[in-house]
C-alpha cells in the first residue's frame, strides 16, 4: 500500500520536509501520495532534478493530489 502524506493545512516548509523525508526511504518503483492545498512548484523542480516520476492533479474538491514514484 502506498504511503499517503496529508499535508493539507500545513504551512511551508512542513509539507516539503515531510515528503522529502518520505521519499528518501523509497526503493526504486515505490511511491507516496501527497495531498496539498496548493501546487508545490519548488518540489516539482527537486523531483525533476532527482528523476522521480510524478503525476499531479486537482481533485473536484480542490485538493492537489500528487503521486510520486522513486527512480
Protein backbone atom coordinates (compact mmCIF):
# COMPACT_ATOMS: atom_id res chain seq x y z
CA UNK A 1 0.00 0.00 0.00
CA UNK A 2 1.27 3.44 -0.94
CA UNK A 3 2.07 5.82 1.92
CA UNK A 4 -0.21 8.87 1.99
CA UNK A 5 1.08 12.19 3.29
CA UNK A 6 -1.79 14.53 4.08
CA UNK A 7 -0.12 17.93 4.28
CA UNK A 8 -3.28 19.99 3.83
CA UNK A 9 -3.38 22.91 6.22
CA UNK A 10 0.35 22.81 6.94
CA UNK A 11 2.46 25.89 6.31
CA UNK A 12 5.62 25.78 4.21
CA UNK A 13 8.16 24.30 4.59
CA UNK A 14 6.43 21.49 6.54
CA UNK A 15 4.86 19.71 3.51
CA UNK A 16 8.19 19.85 1.63
CA UNK A 17 10.08 18.45 4.63
CA UNK A 18 7.55 15.64 5.14
CA UNK A 19 7.67 14.49 1.54
CA UNK A 20 11.46 14.74 1.28
CA UNK A 21 11.79 12.57 4.39
CA UNK A 22 9.30 10.03 2.97
CA UNK A 23 10.89 9.73 -0.48
CA UNK A 24 14.38 9.37 0.96
CA UNK A 25 13.40 5.89 2.18
CA UNK A 26 11.79 4.69 -1.07
CA UNK A 27 13.23 1.88 -3.14
CA UNK A 28 13.06 2.11 -6.93
CA UNK A 29 9.47 1.82 -8.09
CA UNK A 30 7.97 2.56 -4.67
CA UNK A 31 5.88 5.65 -4.19
CA UNK A 32 3.96 8.03 -1.99
CA UNK A 33 0.80 10.07 -2.44
CA UNK A 34 0.90 13.70 -1.30
CA UNK A 35 -2.24 15.73 -0.56
CA UNK A 36 -1.90 19.52 -0.50
CA UNK A 37 -3.85 22.75 -0.65
CA UNK A 38 -1.71 24.16 -3.49
CA UNK A 39 0.68 23.13 -6.26
CA UNK A 40 4.20 22.61 -4.85
CA UNK A 41 6.25 24.03 -7.72
CA UNK A 42 9.57 24.03 -5.77
CA UNK A 43 9.03 20.33 -5.01
CA UNK A 44 8.48 19.60 -8.72
CA UNK A 45 11.90 21.09 -9.53
CA UNK A 46 13.57 18.80 -6.96
CA UNK A 47 11.68 15.74 -8.21
CA UNK A 48 12.68 16.54 -11.80
CA UNK A 49 16.31 17.04 -10.78
CA UNK A 50 16.41 13.73 -8.92
CA UNK A 51 14.50 11.88 -11.67
CA UNK A 52 11.42 10.94 -9.66
CA UNK A 53 8.29 10.29 -11.68
CA UNK A 54 5.24 12.18 -10.53
CA UNK A 55 1.73 12.98 -11.60
CA UNK A 56 -0.31 15.84 -10.17
CA UNK A 57 -4.00 16.59 -10.42
CA UNK A 58 -6.52 18.86 -8.77
CA UNK A 59 -9.48 16.92 -7.45
CA UNK A 60 -13.07 18.20 -7.68
CA UNK A 61 -12.84 19.26 -4.02
CA UNK A 62 -9.80 21.46 -4.80
CA UNK A 63 -7.24 19.18 -3.16
CA UNK A 64 -3.96 18.81 -5.05
CA UNK A 65 -3.03 15.12 -5.24
CA UNK A 66 0.49 14.13 -6.30
CA UNK A 67 1.69 10.57 -6.86
CA UNK A 68 5.47 10.29 -6.62
CA UNK A 69 7.46 7.21 -7.68
CA UNK A 70 11.16 6.65 -6.97
CA UNK A 71 13.56 6.16 -9.88
